[in-house]
Amino acid sequence: RETCAGCPVQQERLKYGLSQSLQIGIFGGM
């Protein structure tokens, strides 16, 4: 959570997780 919170590409990673409908794993801190 700390790493994701300070990540410069957090939003891109979250968008990837959302676009792929991934059920497992932490993407963009979520």
Full PDB file with SEQRES, HELIX, SHEET, SSBOND, CRYST1, ORIGX, SCALE, CONECT and MASTER records, all heavy atoms in Angstrom:
SEQRES   1 A   30  ARG GLU THR CYS ALA GLY CYS PRO VAL GLN GLN GLU ARG          
SEQRES   2 A   30  LEU LYS TYR GLY LEU SER GLN SER LEU GLN ILE GLY ILE          
SEQRES   3 A   30  PHE GLY GLY MET                                              
HELIX    1 AA1 GLU A    2  ALA A    5  1                                   4    
HELIX    2 AA2 GLN A   10  SER A   19  1                                  10    
CRYST1    1.000    1.000    1.000  90.00  90.00  90.00 P 1           1          
ORIGX1      1.000000  0.000000  0.000000        0.00000                         
ORIGX2      0.000000  1.000000  0.000000        0.00000                         
ORIGX3      0.000000  0.000000  1.000000        0.00000                         
SCALE1      1.000000  0.000000  0.000000        0.00000                         
SCALE2      0.000000  1.000000  0.000000        0.00000                         
SCALE3      0.000000  0.000000  1.000000        0.00000                         
ATOM      1  N   ARG A   1       0.833  -1.210   0.000  1.00  0.00           N  
ATOM      2  CA  ARG A   1       0.000   0.000   0.000  1.00  0.00           C  
ATOM      3  C   ARG A   1       0.871   1.265   0.000  1.00  0.00           C  
ATOM      4  O   ARG A   1       0.582   2.229  -0.699  1.00  0.00           O  
ATOM      5  CB  ARG A   1      -0.941   0.000   1.181  1.00  0.00           C  
ATOM      6  CG  ARG A   1      -1.933  -1.144   1.107  1.00  0.00           C  
ATOM      7  CD  ARG A   1      -3.289  -0.749   1.625  1.00  0.00           C  
ATOM      8  NE  ARG A   1      -4.157  -1.913   1.687  1.00  0.00           N  
ATOM      9  CZ  ARG A   1      -5.002  -2.247   0.721  1.00  0.00           C  
ATOM     10  NH1 ARG A   1      -5.083  -1.525  -0.361  1.00  0.00           N  
ATOM     11  NH2 ARG A   1      -5.764  -3.309   0.844  1.00  0.00           N  
ATOM     12  N   GLU A   2       1.952   1.248   0.775  1.00  0.00           N  
ATOM     13  CA  GLU A   2       2.863   2.399   0.828  1.00  0.00           C  
ATOM     14  C   GLU A   2       3.551   2.620  -0.520  1.00  0.00           C  
ATOM     15  O   GLU A   2       3.686   3.756  -0.972  1.00  0.00           O  
ATOM     16  CB  GLU A   2       3.904   2.192   1.921  1.00  0.00           C  
ATOM     17  CG  GLU A   2       3.332   2.214   3.316  1.00  0.00           C  
ATOM     18  CD  GLU A   2       4.279   1.677   4.379  1.00  0.00           C  
ATOM     19  OE1 GLU A   2       5.455   1.367   4.061  1.00  0.00           O  
ATOM     20  OE2 GLU A   2       3.847   1.548   5.532  1.00  0.00           O  
ATOM     21  N   THR A   3       3.965   1.530  -1.144  1.00  0.00           N  
ATOM     22  CA  THR A   3       4.626   1.635  -2.447  1.00  0.00           C  
ATOM     23  C   THR A   3       3.669   2.190  -3.488  1.00  0.00           C  
ATOM     24  O   THR A   3       4.013   3.101  -4.246  1.00  0.00           O  
ATOM     25  CB  THR A   3       5.167   0.255  -2.893  1.00  0.00           C  
ATOM     26  OG1 THR A   3       6.100  -0.210  -1.909  1.00  0.00           O  
ATOM     27  CG2 THR A   3       5.831   0.327  -4.251  1.00  0.00           C  
ATOM     28  N   CYS A   4       2.458   1.665  -3.522  1.00  0.00           N  
ATOM     29  CA  CYS A   4       1.471   2.134  -4.499  1.00  0.00           C  
ATOM     30  C   CYS A   4       1.092   3.597  -4.248  1.00  0.00           C  
ATOM     31  O   CYS A   4       0.919   4.362  -5.200  1.00  0.00           O  
ATOM     32  CB  CYS A   4       0.216   1.271  -4.454  1.00  0.00           C  
ATOM     33  SG  CYS A   4       0.461  -0.406  -5.097  1.00  0.00           S  
ATOM     34  N   ALA A   5       0.979   3.979  -2.999  1.00  0.00           N  
ATOM     35  CA  ALA A   5       0.575   5.350  -2.671  1.00  0.00           C  
ATOM     36  C   ALA A   5       1.564   6.376  -3.202  1.00  0.00           C  
ATOM     37  O   ALA A   5       1.173   7.468  -3.602  1.00  0.00           O  
ATOM     38  CB  ALA A   5       0.412   5.502  -1.158  1.00  0.00           C  
ATOM     39  N   GLY A   6       2.838   6.019  -3.241  1.00  0.00           N  
ATOM     40  CA  GLY A   6       3.850   6.955  -3.707  1.00  0.00           C  
ATOM     41  C   GLY A   6       4.301   6.711  -5.139  1.00  0.00           C  
ATOM     42  O   GLY A   6       5.278   7.307  -5.586  1.00  0.00           O  
ATOM     43  N   CYS A   7       3.600   5.877  -5.858  1.00  0.00           N  
ATOM     44  CA  CYS A   7       4.026   5.497  -7.200  1.00  0.00           C  
ATOM     45  C   CYS A   7       3.640   6.546  -8.248  1.00  0.00           C  
ATOM     46  O   CYS A   7       2.491   6.983  -8.294  1.00  0.00           O  
ATOM     47  CB  CYS A   7       3.391   4.161  -7.576  1.00  0.00           C  
ATOM     48  SG  CYS A   7       3.930   3.555  -9.194  1.00  0.00           S  
ATOM     49  N   PRO A   8       4.588   6.926  -9.113  1.00  0.00           N  
ATOM     50  CA  PRO A   8       4.286   7.916 -10.138  1.00  0.00           C  
ATOM     51  C   PRO A   8       3.353   7.404 -11.236  1.00  0.00           C  
ATOM     52  O   PRO A   8       2.784   8.200 -11.979  1.00  0.00           O  
ATOM     53  CB  PRO A   8       5.659   8.277 -10.717  1.00  0.00           C  
ATOM     54  CG  PRO A   8       6.521   7.104 -10.433  1.00  0.00           C  
ATOM     55  CD  PRO A   8       5.991   6.519  -9.151  1.00  0.00           C  
ATOM     56  N   VAL A   9       3.169   6.087 -11.336  1.00  0.00           N  
ATOM     57  CA  VAL A   9       2.275   5.533 -12.357  1.00  0.00           C  
ATOM     58  C   VAL A   9       1.090   4.797 -11.733  1.00  0.00           C  
ATOM     59  O   VAL A   9       0.489   3.916 -12.342  1.00  0.00           O  
ATOM     60  CB  VAL A   9       3.036   4.616 -13.347  1.00  0.00           C  
ATOM     61  CG1 VAL A   9       4.023   5.423 -14.176  1.00  0.00           C  
ATOM     62  CG2 VAL A   9       3.730   3.481 -12.627  1.00  0.00           C  
ATOM     63  N   GLN A  10       0.732   5.177 -10.517  1.00  0.00           N  
ATOM     64  CA  GLN A  10      -0.372   4.522  -9.811  1.00  0.00           C  
ATOM     65  C   GLN A  10      -1.663   4.546 -10.629  1.00  0.00           C  
ATOM     66  O   GLN A  10      -2.338   3.529 -10.746  1.00  0.00           O  
ATOM     67  CB  GLN A  10      -0.612   5.176  -8.457  1.00  0.00           C  
ATOM     68  CG  GLN A  10      -1.773   4.548  -7.711  1.00  0.00           C  
ATOM     69  CD  GLN A  10      -2.131   5.306  -6.446  1.00  0.00           C  
ATOM     70  OE1 GLN A  10      -1.817   6.479  -6.296  1.00  0.00           O  
ATOM     71  NE2 GLN A  10      -2.794   4.629  -5.541  1.00  0.00           N  
ATOM     72  N   GLN A  11      -2.011   5.674 -11.192  1.00  0.00           N  
ATOM     73  CA  GLN A  11      -3.260   5.783 -11.944  1.00  0.00           C  
ATOM     74  C   GLN A  11      -3.248   4.903 -13.194  1.00  0.00           C  
ATOM     75  O   GLN A  11      -4.259   4.271 -13.510  1.00  0.00           O  
ATOM     76  CB  GLN A  11      -3.546   7.238 -12.310  1.00  0.00           C  
ATOM     77  CG  GLN A  11      -3.877   8.096 -11.108  1.00  0.00           C  
ATOM     78  CD  GLN A  11      -5.073   7.581 -10.335  1.00  0.00           C  
ATOM     79  OE1 GLN A  11      -6.140   7.332 -10.903  1.00  0.00           O  
ATOM     80  NE2 GLN A  11      -4.914   7.404  -9.039  1.00  0.00           N  
ATOM     81  N   GLU A  12      -2.129   4.840 -13.884  1.00  0.00           N  
ATOM     82  CA  GLU A  12      -2.022   3.982 -15.061  1.00  0.00           C  
ATOM     83  C   GLU A  12      -2.206   2.517 -14.688  1.00  0.00           C  
ATOM     84  O   GLU A  12      -2.876   1.763 -15.382  1.00  0.00           O  
ATOM     85  CB  GLU A  12      -0.675   4.169 -15.775  1.00  0.00           C  
ATOM     86  CG  GLU A  12      -0.537   5.501 -16.465  1.00  0.00           C  
ATOM     87  CD  GLU A  12       0.096   6.573 -15.581  1.00  0.00           C  
ATOM     88  OE1 GLU A  12      -0.004   6.502 -14.338  1.00  0.00           O  
ATOM     89  OE2 GLU A  12       0.699   7.493 -16.156  1.00  0.00           O  
ATOM     90  N   ARG A  13      -1.605   2.141 -13.571  1.00  0.00           N  
ATOM     91  CA  ARG A  13      -1.700   0.748 -13.113  1.00  0.00           C  
ATOM     92  C   ARG A  13      -3.122   0.420 -12.686  1.00  0.00           C  
ATOM     93  O   ARG A  13      -3.624  -0.660 -12.969  1.00  0.00           O  
ATOM     94  CB  ARG A  13      -0.716   0.516 -11.968  1.00  0.00           C  
ATOM     95  CG  ARG A  13      -0.556  -0.921 -11.614  1.00  0.00           C  
ATOM     96  CD  ARG A  13       0.002  -1.700 -12.797  1.00  0.00           C  
ATOM     97  NE  ARG A  13       0.299  -3.048 -12.357  1.00  0.00           N  
ATOM     98  CZ  ARG A  13       0.173  -4.109 -13.127  1.00  0.00           C  
ATOM     99  NH1 ARG A  13      -0.238  -4.006 -14.356  1.00  0.00           N  
ATOM    100  NH2 ARG A  13       0.467  -5.295 -12.674  1.00  0.00           N  
ATOM    101  N   LEU A  14      -3.787   1.355 -12.010  1.00  0.00           N  
ATOM    102  CA  LEU A  14      -5.177   1.142 -11.620  1.00  0.00           C  
ATOM    103  C   LEU A  14      -6.052   1.022 -12.859  1.00  0.00           C  
ATOM    104  O   LEU A  14      -6.907   0.127 -12.937  1.00  0.00           O  
ATOM    105  CB  LEU A  14      -5.671   2.275 -10.718  1.00  0.00           C  
ATOM    106  CG  LEU A  14      -7.136   2.194 -10.290  1.00  0.00           C  
ATOM    107  CD1 LEU A  14      -7.442   0.881  -9.575  1.00  0.00           C  
ATOM    108  CD2 LEU A  14      -7.479   3.383  -9.408  1.00  0.00           C  
ATOM    109  N   LYS A  15      -5.858   1.884 -13.826  1.00  0.00           N  
ATOM    110  CA  LYS A  15      -6.637   1.814 -15.072  1.00  0.00           C  
ATOM    111  C   LYS A  15      -6.446   0.465 -15.753  1.00  0.00           C  
ATOM    112  O   LYS A  15      -7.394  -0.107 -16.287  1.00  0.00           O  
ATOM    113  CB  LYS A  15      -6.231   2.939 -16.023  1.00  0.00           C  
ATOM    114  CG  LYS A  15      -6.734   4.286 -15.596  1.00  0.00           C  
ATOM    115  CD  LYS A  15      -6.256   5.361 -16.558  1.00  0.00           C  
ATOM    116  CE  LYS A  15      -6.566   6.745 -16.019  1.00  0.00           C  
ATOM    117  NZ  LYS A  15      -6.006   7.802 -16.884  1.00  0.00           N  
ATOM    118  N   TYR A  16      -5.225  -0.050 -15.726  1.00  0.00           N  
ATOM    119  CA  TYR A  16      -4.966  -1.367 -16.309  1.00  0.00           C  
ATOM    120  C   TYR A  16      -5.770  -2.435 -15.571  1.00  0.00           C  
ATOM    121  O   TYR A  16      -6.439  -3.259 -16.194  1.00  0.00           O  
ATOM    122  CB  TYR A  16      -3.473  -1.696 -16.259  1.00  0.00           C  
ATOM    123  CG  TYR A  16      -3.179  -3.104 -16.707  1.00  0.00           C  
ATOM    124  CD1 TYR A  16      -3.142  -3.419 -18.058  1.00  0.00           C  
ATOM    125  CD2 TYR A  16      -2.954  -4.117 -15.774  1.00  0.00           C  
ATOM    126  CE1 TYR A  16      -2.889  -4.719 -18.472  1.00  0.00           C  
ATOM    127  CE2 TYR A  16      -2.702  -5.411 -16.184  1.00  0.00           C  
ATOM    128  CZ  TYR A  16      -2.674  -5.708 -17.534  1.00  0.00           C  
ATOM    129  OH  TYR A  16      -2.432  -7.004 -17.939  1.00  0.00           O  
ATOM    130  N   GLY A  17      -5.714  -2.432 -14.257  1.00  0.00           N  
ATOM    131  CA  GLY A  17      -6.461  -3.407 -13.459  1.00  0.00           C  
ATOM    132  C   GLY A  17      -7.954  -3.324 -13.711  1.00  0.00           C  
ATOM    133  O   GLY A  17      -8.646  -4.339 -13.796  1.00  0.00           O  
ATOM    134  N   LEU A  18      -8.472  -2.118 -13.851  1.00  0.00           N  
ATOM    135  CA  LEU A  18      -9.899  -1.925 -14.129  1.00  0.00           C  
ATOM    136  C   LEU A  18     -10.254  -2.379 -15.542  1.00  0.00           C  
ATOM    137  O   LEU A  18     -11.272  -3.034 -15.755  1.00  0.00           O  
ATOM    138  CB  LEU A  18     -10.281  -0.460 -13.942  1.00  0.00           C  
ATOM    139  CG  LEU A  18     -10.250   0.060 -12.506  1.00  0.00           C  
ATOM    140  CD1 LEU A  18     -10.370   1.578 -12.497  1.00  0.00           C  
ATOM    141  CD2 LEU A  18     -11.347  -0.578 -11.666  1.00  0.00           C  
ATOM    142  N   SER A  19      -9.418  -2.051 -16.509  1.00  0.00           N  
ATOM    143  CA  SER A  19      -9.721  -2.385 -17.906  1.00  0.00           C  
ATOM    144  C   SER A  19      -9.678  -3.886 -18.167  1.00  0.00           C  
ATOM    145  O   SER A  19     -10.355  -4.381 -19.066  1.00  0.00           O  
ATOM    146  CB  SER A  19      -8.770  -1.670 -18.855  1.00  0.00           C  
ATOM    147  OG  SER A  19      -7.472  -2.216 -18.782  1.00  0.00           O  
ATOM    148  N   GLN A  20      -8.909  -4.608 -17.387  1.00  0.00           N  
ATOM    149  CA  GLN A  20      -8.780  -6.055 -17.568  1.00  0.00           C  
ATOM    150  C   GLN A  20      -9.754  -6.843 -16.695  1.00  0.00           C  
ATOM    151  O   GLN A  20      -9.798  -8.063 -16.780  1.00  0.00           O  
ATOM    152  CB  GLN A  20      -7.343  -6.500 -17.250  1.00  0.00           C  
ATOM    153  CG  GLN A  20      -6.296  -5.839 -18.113  1.00  0.00           C  
ATOM    154  CD  GLN A  20      -6.471  -6.150 -19.571  1.00  0.00           C  
ATOM    155  OE1 GLN A  20      -6.588  -7.302 -19.957  1.00  0.00           O  
ATOM    156  NE2 GLN A  20      -6.501  -5.119 -20.404  1.00  0.00           N  
ATOM    157  N   SER A  21     -10.519  -6.151 -15.851  1.00  0.00           N  
ATOM    158  CA  SER A  21     -11.443  -6.800 -14.903  1.00  0.00           C  
ATOM    159  C   SER A  21     -10.734  -7.896 -14.100  1.00  0.00           C  
ATOM    160  O   SER A  21     -11.267  -8.980 -13.903  1.00  0.00           O  
ATOM    161  CB  SER A  21     -12.665  -7.367 -15.620  1.00  0.00           C  
ATOM    162  OG  SER A  21     -13.402  -6.338 -16.217  1.00  0.00           O  
ATOM    163  N   LEU A  22      -9.539  -7.592 -13.649  1.00  0.00           N  
ATOM    164  CA  LEU A  22      -8.748  -8.559 -12.891  1.00  0.00           C  
ATOM    165  C   LEU A  22      -9.333  -8.725 -11.495  1.00  0.00           C  
ATOM    166  O   LEU A  22      -9.618  -7.750 -10.813  1.00  0.00           O  
ATOM    167  CB  LEU A  22      -7.297  -8.095 -12.823  1.00  0.00           C  
ATOM    168  CG  LEU A  22      -6.615  -7.957 -14.183  1.00  0.00           C  
ATOM    169  CD1 LEU A  22      -5.287  -7.232 -14.037  1.00  0.00           C  
ATOM    170  CD2 LEU A  22      -6.428  -9.314 -14.826  1.00  0.00           C  
ATOM    171  N   GLN A  23      -9.518  -9.956 -11.073  1.00  0.00           N  
ATOM    172  CA  GLN A  23     -10.125 -10.251  -9.782  1.00  0.00           C  
ATOM    173  C   GLN A  23      -9.098 -10.426  -8.673  1.00  0.00           C  
ATOM    174  O   GLN A  23      -9.438 -10.306  -7.505  1.00  0.00           O  
ATOM    175  CB  GLN A  23     -10.983 -11.514  -9.879  1.00  0.00           C  
ATOM    176  CG  GLN A  23     -12.156 -11.358 -10.809  1.00  0.00           C  
ATOM    177  CD  GLN A  23     -13.121 -10.305 -10.321  1.00  0.00           C  
ATOM    178  OE1 GLN A  23     -13.522 -10.323  -9.165  1.00  0.00           O  
ATOM    179  NE2 GLN A  23     -13.489  -9.384 -11.180  1.00  0.00           N  
ATOM    180  N   ILE A  24      -7.880 -10.744  -9.025  1.00  0.00           N  
ATOM    181  CA  ILE A  24      -6.861 -10.974  -8.008  1.00  0.00           C  
ATOM    182  C   ILE A  24      -5.745  -9.964  -8.165  1.00  0.00           C  
ATOM    183  O   ILE A  24      -5.564  -9.378  -9.228  1.00  0.00           O  
ATOM    184  CB  ILE A  24      -6.295 -12.404  -8.060  1.00  0.00           C  
ATOM    185  CG1 ILE A  24      -5.637 -12.674  -9.412  1.00  0.00           C  
ATOM    186  CG2 ILE A  24      -7.368 -13.438  -7.757  1.00  0.00           C  
ATOM    187  CD1 ILE A  24      -4.839 -13.944  -9.469  1.00  0.00           C  
ATOM    188  N   GLY A  25      -5.018  -9.752  -7.108  1.00  0.00           N  
ATOM    189  CA  GLY A  25      -3.864  -8.874  -7.145  1.00  0.00           C  
ATOM    190  C   GLY A  25      -4.192  -7.431  -6.797  1.00  0.00           C  
ATOM    191  O   GLY A  25      -5.344  -7.009  -6.827  1.00  0.00           O  
ATOM    192  N   ILE A  26      -3.148  -6.712  -6.446  1.00  0.00           N  
ATOM    193  CA  ILE A  26      -3.244  -5.295  -6.118  1.00  0.00           C  
ATOM    194  C   ILE A  26      -2.765  -4.519  -7.330  1.00  0.00           C  
ATOM    195  O   ILE A  26      -1.647  -4.721  -7.808  1.00  0.00           O  
ATOM    196  CB  ILE A  26      -2.373  -4.956  -4.886  1.00  0.00           C  
ATOM    197  CG1 ILE A  26      -2.727  -5.862  -3.702  1.00  0.00           C  
ATOM    198  CG2 ILE A  26      -2.490  -3.477  -4.529  1.00  0.00           C  
ATOM    199  CD1 ILE A  26      -4.179  -5.799  -3.269  1.00  0.00           C  
ATOM    200  N   PHE A  27      -3.607  -3.660  -7.838  1.00  0.00           N  
ATOM    201  CA  PHE A  27      -3.280  -2.822  -8.988  1.00  0.00           C  
ATOM    202  C   PHE A  27      -3.595  -1.389  -8.616  1.00  0.00           C  
ATOM    203  O   PHE A  27      -4.731  -1.076  -8.254  1.00  0.00           O  
ATOM    204  CB  PHE A  27      -4.074  -3.242 -10.232  1.00  0.00           C  
ATOM    205  CG  PHE A  27      -3.669  -4.591 -10.747  1.00  0.00           C  
ATOM    206  CD1 PHE A  27      -4.288  -5.738 -10.281  1.00  0.00           C  
ATOM    207  CD2 PHE A  27      -2.655  -4.711 -11.671  1.00  0.00           C  
ATOM    208  CE1 PHE A  27      -3.909  -6.981 -10.737  1.00  0.00           C  
ATOM    209  CE2 PHE A  27      -2.259  -5.960 -12.135  1.00  0.00           C  
ATOM    210  CZ  PHE A  27      -2.893  -7.093 -11.670  1.00  0.00           C  
ATOM    211  N   GLY A  28      -2.603  -0.520  -8.686  1.00  0.00           N  
ATOM    212  CA  GLY A  28      -2.813   0.873  -8.328  1.00  0.00           C  
ATOM    213  C   GLY A  28      -3.202   1.050  -6.875  1.00  0.00           C  
ATOM    214  O   GLY A  28      -3.861   2.006  -6.504  1.00  0.00           O  
ATOM    215  N   GLY A  29      -2.814   0.093  -6.033  1.00  0.00           N  
ATOM    216  CA  GLY A  29      -3.102   0.176  -4.608  1.00  0.00           C  
ATOM    217  C   GLY A  29      -4.464  -0.371  -4.216  1.00  0.00           C  
ATOM    218  O   GLY A  29      -4.846  -0.293  -3.054  1.00  0.00           O  
ATOM    219  N   MET A  30      -5.214  -0.936  -5.164  1.00  0.00           N  
ATOM    220  CA  MET A  30      -6.558  -1.435  -4.866  1.00  0.00           C  
ATOM    221  C   MET A  30      -6.672  -2.933  -5.112  1.00  0.00           C  
ATOM    222  O   MET A  30      -6.133  -3.459  -6.084  1.00  0.00           O  
ATOM    223  CB  MET A  30      -7.595  -0.719  -5.712  1.00  0.00           C  
ATOM    224  CG  MET A  30      -7.719   0.737  -5.403  1.00  0.00           C  
ATOM    225  SD  MET A  30      -9.138   1.409  -6.264  1.00  0.00           S  
ATOM    226  CE  MET A  30      -9.630   2.619  -5.068  1.00  0.00           C  
TER     227      MET A  30                                                      
MASTER        0    0    0    2    0    0    0    6  226    1    0    3          
END                                                                             
